[in-house]
């Protein structure tokens, strides 16, 4: 085997590697395009659902304002309880005493 044959083999291998890399790049590009389209569809669906929820909420508040006010007050009371009450499951635990080990 002389230097010329080694060079031809190296060029052939480099060409094959280049082809494989090009195919991989094409596949990655196709996958990215597909993901972008799917994300766009999901975004449109989320926007539509949010718009419908806002319209429904607006209609409910207009039809039953007192009930809506009571519901909002109940949610506010619940949040206040969760934040400030010592009975809340999210309340900080009292530190253990160094002197009393029960």
N, C-alpha and C. Protein backbone atom coordinates (compact mmCIF):
# COMPACT_ATOMS: atom_id res chain seq x y z
N UNK A 1 0.84 -1.16 0.00
CA UNK A 1 0.00 0.00 0.00
C UNK A 1 0.89 1.23 0.00
N UNK A 2 0.69 2.08 -0.95
CA UNK A 2 1.51 3.29 -0.99
C UNK A 2 0.71 4.48 -0.47
N UNK A 3 1.34 5.62 -0.43
CA UNK A 3 0.74 6.83 0.12
C UNK A 3 -0.48 7.27 -0.68
N UNK A 4 -0.45 7.00 -1.97
CA UNK A 4 -1.56 7.42 -2.82
C UNK A 4 -2.82 6.62 -2.49
N UNK A 5 -2.70 5.33 -2.25
CA UNK A 5 -3.85 4.49 -1.89
C UNK A 5 -4.40 4.88 -0.52
N UNK A 6 -3.49 5.18 0.42
CA UNK A 6 -3.91 5.60 1.75
C UNK A 6 -4.69 6.92 1.65
N UNK A 7 -4.22 7.82 0.81
CA UNK A 7 -4.91 9.09 0.62
C UNK A 7 -6.29 8.90 0.03
N UNK A 8 -6.42 8.00 -0.94
CA UNK A 8 -7.72 7.73 -1.55
C UNK A 8 -8.69 7.13 -0.53
N UNK A 9 -8.19 6.20 0.30
CA UNK A 9 -9.03 5.59 1.34
C UNK A 9 -9.48 6.66 2.34
N UNK A 10 -8.55 7.52 2.73
CA UNK A 10 -8.88 8.59 3.67
C UNK A 10 -9.92 9.53 3.07
N UNK A 11 -9.77 9.89 1.80
CA UNK A 11 -10.75 10.76 1.14
C UNK A 11 -12.11 10.08 1.06
N UNK A 12 -12.11 8.77 0.75
CA UNK A 12 -13.37 8.03 0.68
C UNK A 12 -14.07 8.00 2.03
N UNK A 13 -13.30 7.73 3.09
CA UNK A 13 -13.87 7.72 4.44
C UNK A 13 -14.38 9.10 4.84
N UNK A 14 -13.63 10.14 4.47
CA UNK A 14 -14.06 11.50 4.79
C UNK A 14 -15.36 11.83 4.07
N UNK A 15 -15.48 11.39 2.82
CA UNK A 15 -16.71 11.63 2.07
C UNK A 15 -17.90 10.91 2.68
N UNK A 16 -17.69 9.67 3.10
CA UNK A 16 -18.77 8.91 3.74
C UNK A 16 -19.18 9.56 5.06
N UNK A 17 -18.20 9.99 5.84
CA UNK A 17 -18.50 10.66 7.11
C UNK A 17 -19.27 11.94 6.87
N UNK A 18 -18.89 12.67 5.84
CA UNK A 18 -19.59 13.90 5.50
C UNK A 18 -21.03 13.62 5.10
N UNK A 19 -21.24 12.56 4.32
CA UNK A 19 -22.61 12.19 3.93
C UNK A 19 -23.46 11.82 5.14
N UNK A 20 -22.88 11.04 6.04
CA UNK A 20 -23.61 10.64 7.25
C UNK A 20 -23.94 11.86 8.10
N UNK A 21 -22.99 12.77 8.25
CA UNK A 21 -23.24 13.98 9.03
C UNK A 21 -24.33 14.82 8.38
N UNK A 22 -24.32 14.90 7.05
CA UNK A 22 -25.37 15.64 6.35
C UNK A 22 -26.74 15.03 6.56
N UNK A 23 -26.83 13.70 6.53
CA UNK A 23 -28.10 13.02 6.76
C UNK A 23 -28.59 13.26 8.20
N UNK A 24 -27.65 13.20 9.13
CA UNK A 24 -28.02 13.44 10.54
C UNK A 24 -28.52 14.88 10.71
N UNK A 25 -27.86 15.82 10.06
CA UNK A 25 -28.29 17.21 10.13
C UNK A 25 -29.68 17.40 9.55
N UNK A 26 -29.96 16.72 8.44
CA UNK A 26 -31.29 16.80 7.83
C UNK A 26 -32.36 16.24 8.78
N UNK A 27 -32.04 15.11 9.40
CA UNK A 27 -33.00 14.51 10.33
C UNK A 27 -33.25 15.39 11.54
N UNK A 28 -32.19 16.00 12.05
CA UNK A 28 -32.34 16.90 13.20
C UNK A 28 -33.17 18.11 12.80
N UNK A 29 -32.92 18.63 11.61
CA UNK A 29 -33.71 19.76 11.13
C UNK A 29 -35.18 19.42 10.98
N UNK A 30 -35.46 18.22 10.45
CA UNK A 30 -36.86 17.78 10.32
C UNK A 30 -37.52 17.63 11.69
N UNK A 31 -36.78 17.06 12.64
CA UNK A 31 -37.33 16.89 13.99
C UNK A 31 -37.60 18.25 14.64
N UNK A 32 -36.71 19.19 14.45
CA UNK A 32 -36.90 20.53 15.02
C UNK A 32 -38.12 21.21 14.39
N UNK A 33 -38.28 21.06 13.09
CA UNK A 33 -39.43 21.65 12.41
C UNK A 33 -40.73 21.04 12.94
N UNK A 34 -40.74 19.72 13.11
CA UNK A 34 -41.92 19.04 13.62
C UNK A 34 -42.23 19.50 15.05
N UNK A 35 -41.21 19.62 15.88
CA UNK A 35 -41.41 20.09 17.26
C UNK A 35 -41.94 21.51 17.29
N UNK A 36 -41.42 22.36 16.40
CA UNK A 36 -41.88 23.74 16.34
C UNK A 36 -43.36 23.81 15.94
N UNK A 37 -43.76 22.99 14.98
CA UNK A 37 -45.16 22.97 14.56
C UNK A 37 -46.06 22.46 15.68
N UNK A 38 -45.61 21.42 16.38
CA UNK A 38 -46.41 20.89 17.49
C UNK A 38 -46.54 21.92 18.60
N UNK A 39 -45.46 22.64 18.90
CA UNK A 39 -45.51 23.66 19.95
C UNK A 39 -46.46 24.78 19.55
N UNK A 40 -46.45 25.14 18.27
CA UNK A 40 -47.39 26.16 17.80
C UNK A 40 -48.82 25.72 17.96
N UNK A 41 -49.10 24.46 17.65
CA UNK A 41 -50.47 23.93 17.81
C UNK A 41 -50.89 23.91 19.27
N UNK A 42 -49.98 23.51 20.14
CA UNK A 42 -50.29 23.49 21.58
C UNK A 42 -50.54 24.90 22.08
N UNK A 43 -49.74 25.85 21.62
CA UNK A 43 -49.93 27.24 22.03
C UNK A 43 -51.27 27.78 21.59
N UNK A 44 -51.67 27.46 20.37
CA UNK A 44 -52.98 27.91 19.88
C UNK A 44 -54.11 27.30 20.70
N UNK A 45 -53.99 26.02 21.03
CA UNK A 45 -55.03 25.36 21.82
C UNK A 45 -55.11 25.97 23.22
N UNK A 46 -53.96 26.24 23.83
CA UNK A 46 -53.94 26.84 25.17
C UNK A 46 -54.56 28.24 25.14
N UNK A 47 -54.24 29.02 24.12
CA UNK A 47 -54.80 30.36 23.99
C UNK A 47 -56.32 30.29 23.83
N UNK A 48 -56.79 29.36 22.99
CA UNK A 48 -58.22 29.21 22.78
C UNK A 48 -58.92 28.80 24.06
N UNK A 49 -58.34 27.84 24.79
CA UNK A 49 -58.94 27.39 26.05
C UNK A 49 -58.96 28.53 27.07
N UNK A 50 -57.90 29.30 27.14
CA UNK A 50 -57.86 30.43 28.07
C UNK A 50 -58.90 31.48 27.73
N UNK A 51 -59.07 31.75 26.46
CA UNK A 51 -60.06 32.73 26.03
C UNK A 51 -61.47 32.25 26.37
N UNK A 52 -61.74 30.97 26.12
CA UNK A 52 -63.05 30.43 26.45
C UNK A 52 -63.31 30.47 27.96
N UNK A 53 -62.29 30.16 28.75
CA UNK A 53 -62.44 30.20 30.21
C UNK A 53 -62.72 31.62 30.69
N UNK A 54 -62.04 32.59 30.10
CA UNK A 54 -62.25 33.99 30.48
C UNK A 54 -63.67 34.42 30.12
N UNK A 55 -64.16 34.04 28.97
CA UNK A 55 -65.53 34.40 28.57
C UNK A 55 -66.55 33.75 29.50
N UNK A 56 -66.33 32.49 29.84
CA UNK A 56 -67.24 31.79 30.74
C UNK A 56 -67.25 32.45 32.12
N UNK A 57 -66.06 32.77 32.62
CA UNK A 57 -65.96 33.42 33.92
C UNK A 57 -66.64 34.78 33.91
N UNK A 58 -66.43 35.54 32.85
CA UNK A 58 -67.06 36.85 32.73
C UNK A 58 -68.58 36.73 32.74
N UNK A 59 -69.10 35.77 31.99
CA UNK A 59 -70.55 35.57 31.93
C UNK A 59 -71.09 35.15 33.30
N UNK A 60 -70.38 34.28 34.00
CA UNK A 60 -70.83 33.82 35.31
C UNK A 60 -70.85 34.97 36.31
N UNK A 61 -69.83 35.81 36.29
CA UNK A 61 -69.76 36.93 37.22
C UNK A 61 -70.88 37.93 36.92
N UNK A 62 -71.18 38.15 35.65
CA UNK A 62 -72.27 39.07 35.30
C UNK A 62 -73.62 38.52 35.71
N UNK A 63 -73.80 37.21 35.58
CA UNK A 63 -75.09 36.60 35.91
C UNK A 63 -75.30 36.45 37.40
N UNK A 64 -74.24 36.12 38.14
CA UNK A 64 -74.35 35.87 39.58
C UNK A 64 -73.23 36.58 40.33
N UNK A 65 -73.31 37.90 40.45
CA UNK A 65 -72.21 38.64 41.08
C UNK A 65 -72.05 38.32 42.57
N UNK A 66 -73.15 38.12 43.29
CA UNK A 66 -73.04 37.84 44.72
C UNK A 66 -72.37 36.49 44.97
N UNK A 67 -72.77 35.49 44.22
CA UNK A 67 -72.15 34.17 44.36
C UNK A 67 -70.67 34.22 44.01
N UNK A 68 -70.33 34.99 42.99
CA UNK A 68 -68.92 35.14 42.61
C UNK A 68 -68.12 35.82 43.71
N UNK A 69 -68.71 36.83 44.33
CA UNK A 69 -68.05 37.54 45.43
C UNK A 69 -67.83 36.61 46.62
N UNK A 70 -68.82 35.79 46.93
CA UNK A 70 -68.68 34.84 48.03
C UNK A 70 -67.59 33.82 47.72
N UNK A 71 -67.55 33.36 46.48
CA UNK A 71 -66.51 32.41 46.09
C UNK A 71 -65.11 32.99 46.19
N UNK A 72 -64.95 34.23 45.74
CA UNK A 72 -63.64 34.91 45.83
C UNK A 72 -63.24 35.10 47.28
N UNK A 73 -64.21 35.48 48.13
CA UNK A 73 -63.91 35.66 49.56
C UNK A 73 -63.47 34.33 50.19
N UNK A 74 -64.12 33.25 49.81
CA UNK A 74 -63.75 31.94 50.37
C UNK A 74 -62.34 31.55 49.94
N UNK A 75 -62.00 31.80 48.70
CA UNK A 75 -60.65 31.49 48.22
C UNK A 75 -59.63 32.36 48.96
N UNK A 76 -59.93 33.63 49.15
CA UNK A 76 -59.04 34.52 49.90
C UNK A 76 -58.85 34.07 51.34
N UNK A 77 -59.94 33.64 51.98
CA UNK A 77 -59.85 33.15 53.35
C UNK A 77 -58.97 31.90 53.42
N UNK A 78 -59.14 31.00 52.44
CA UNK A 78 -58.34 29.77 52.40
C UNK A 78 -56.85 30.10 52.25
N UNK A 79 -56.53 31.02 51.34
CA UNK A 79 -55.12 31.42 51.19
C UNK A 79 -54.59 32.05 52.46
N UNK A 80 -55.38 32.90 53.10
CA UNK A 80 -54.95 33.50 54.36
C UNK A 80 -54.69 32.46 55.43
N UNK A 81 -55.56 31.47 55.51
CA UNK A 81 -55.37 30.38 56.46
C UNK A 81 -54.08 29.62 56.17
N UNK A 82 -53.87 29.29 54.92
CA UNK A 82 -52.67 28.52 54.57
C UNK A 82 -51.39 29.30 54.84
N UNK A 83 -51.45 30.60 54.71
CA UNK A 83 -50.24 31.41 54.89
C UNK A 83 -49.98 31.72 56.37
N UNK A 84 -51.04 32.04 57.13
CA UNK A 84 -50.83 32.60 58.47
C UNK A 84 -51.16 31.67 59.64
N UNK A 85 -51.91 30.64 59.44
CA UNK A 85 -52.34 29.81 60.56
C UNK A 85 -51.24 28.84 60.99
N UNK A 86 -51.15 28.63 62.31
CA UNK A 86 -50.18 27.64 62.81
C UNK A 86 -50.70 26.22 62.57
N UNK A 87 -51.98 26.08 62.28
CA UNK A 87 -52.56 24.77 61.99
C UNK A 87 -52.40 24.37 60.53
N UNK A 88 -51.92 25.29 59.74
CA UNK A 88 -51.76 25.03 58.32
C UNK A 88 -50.70 23.96 58.09
N UNK A 89 -50.91 23.12 57.10
CA UNK A 89 -49.88 22.11 56.79
C UNK A 89 -48.60 22.73 56.24
N UNK A 90 -48.66 23.99 55.84
CA UNK A 90 -47.49 24.67 55.31
C UNK A 90 -46.78 25.54 56.34
N UNK A 91 -47.30 25.58 57.57
CA UNK A 91 -46.71 26.42 58.61
C UNK A 91 -45.35 25.88 59.02
N UNK A 92 -44.49 26.78 59.46
CA UNK A 92 -43.17 26.39 59.92
C UNK A 92 -43.30 25.62 61.24
N UNK A 93 -42.50 24.61 61.39
CA UNK A 93 -42.52 23.83 62.62
C UNK A 93 -41.69 24.53 63.69
N UNK A 94 -42.18 24.45 64.92
CA UNK A 94 -41.46 25.07 66.03
C UNK A 94 -40.15 24.31 66.26
N UNK A 95 -39.07 25.04 66.56
CA UNK A 95 -37.80 24.35 66.81
C UNK A 95 -37.88 23.51 68.08
N UNK A 96 -37.15 22.42 68.11
CA UNK A 96 -37.12 21.55 69.29
C UNK A 96 -36.32 22.23 70.38
N UNK A 97 -36.78 22.05 71.58
CA UNK A 97 -36.10 22.64 72.72
C UNK A 97 -34.83 21.83 73.05
N UNK A 98 -33.82 22.55 73.49
CA UNK A 98 -32.58 21.87 73.88
C UNK A 98 -32.74 21.21 75.24
N UNK A 99 -33.70 21.71 76.02
CA UNK A 99 -33.79 21.28 77.41
C UNK A 99 -34.86 20.24 77.66
N UNK A 100 -35.92 20.29 76.87
CA UNK A 100 -37.01 19.33 77.07
C UNK A 100 -37.00 18.33 75.93
N UNK A 101 -36.64 17.12 76.22
CA UNK A 101 -36.65 16.06 75.22
C UNK A 101 -37.75 15.08 75.57
N UNK A 102 -38.88 15.23 75.00
CA UNK A 102 -40.02 14.36 75.31
C UNK A 102 -39.93 13.14 74.52
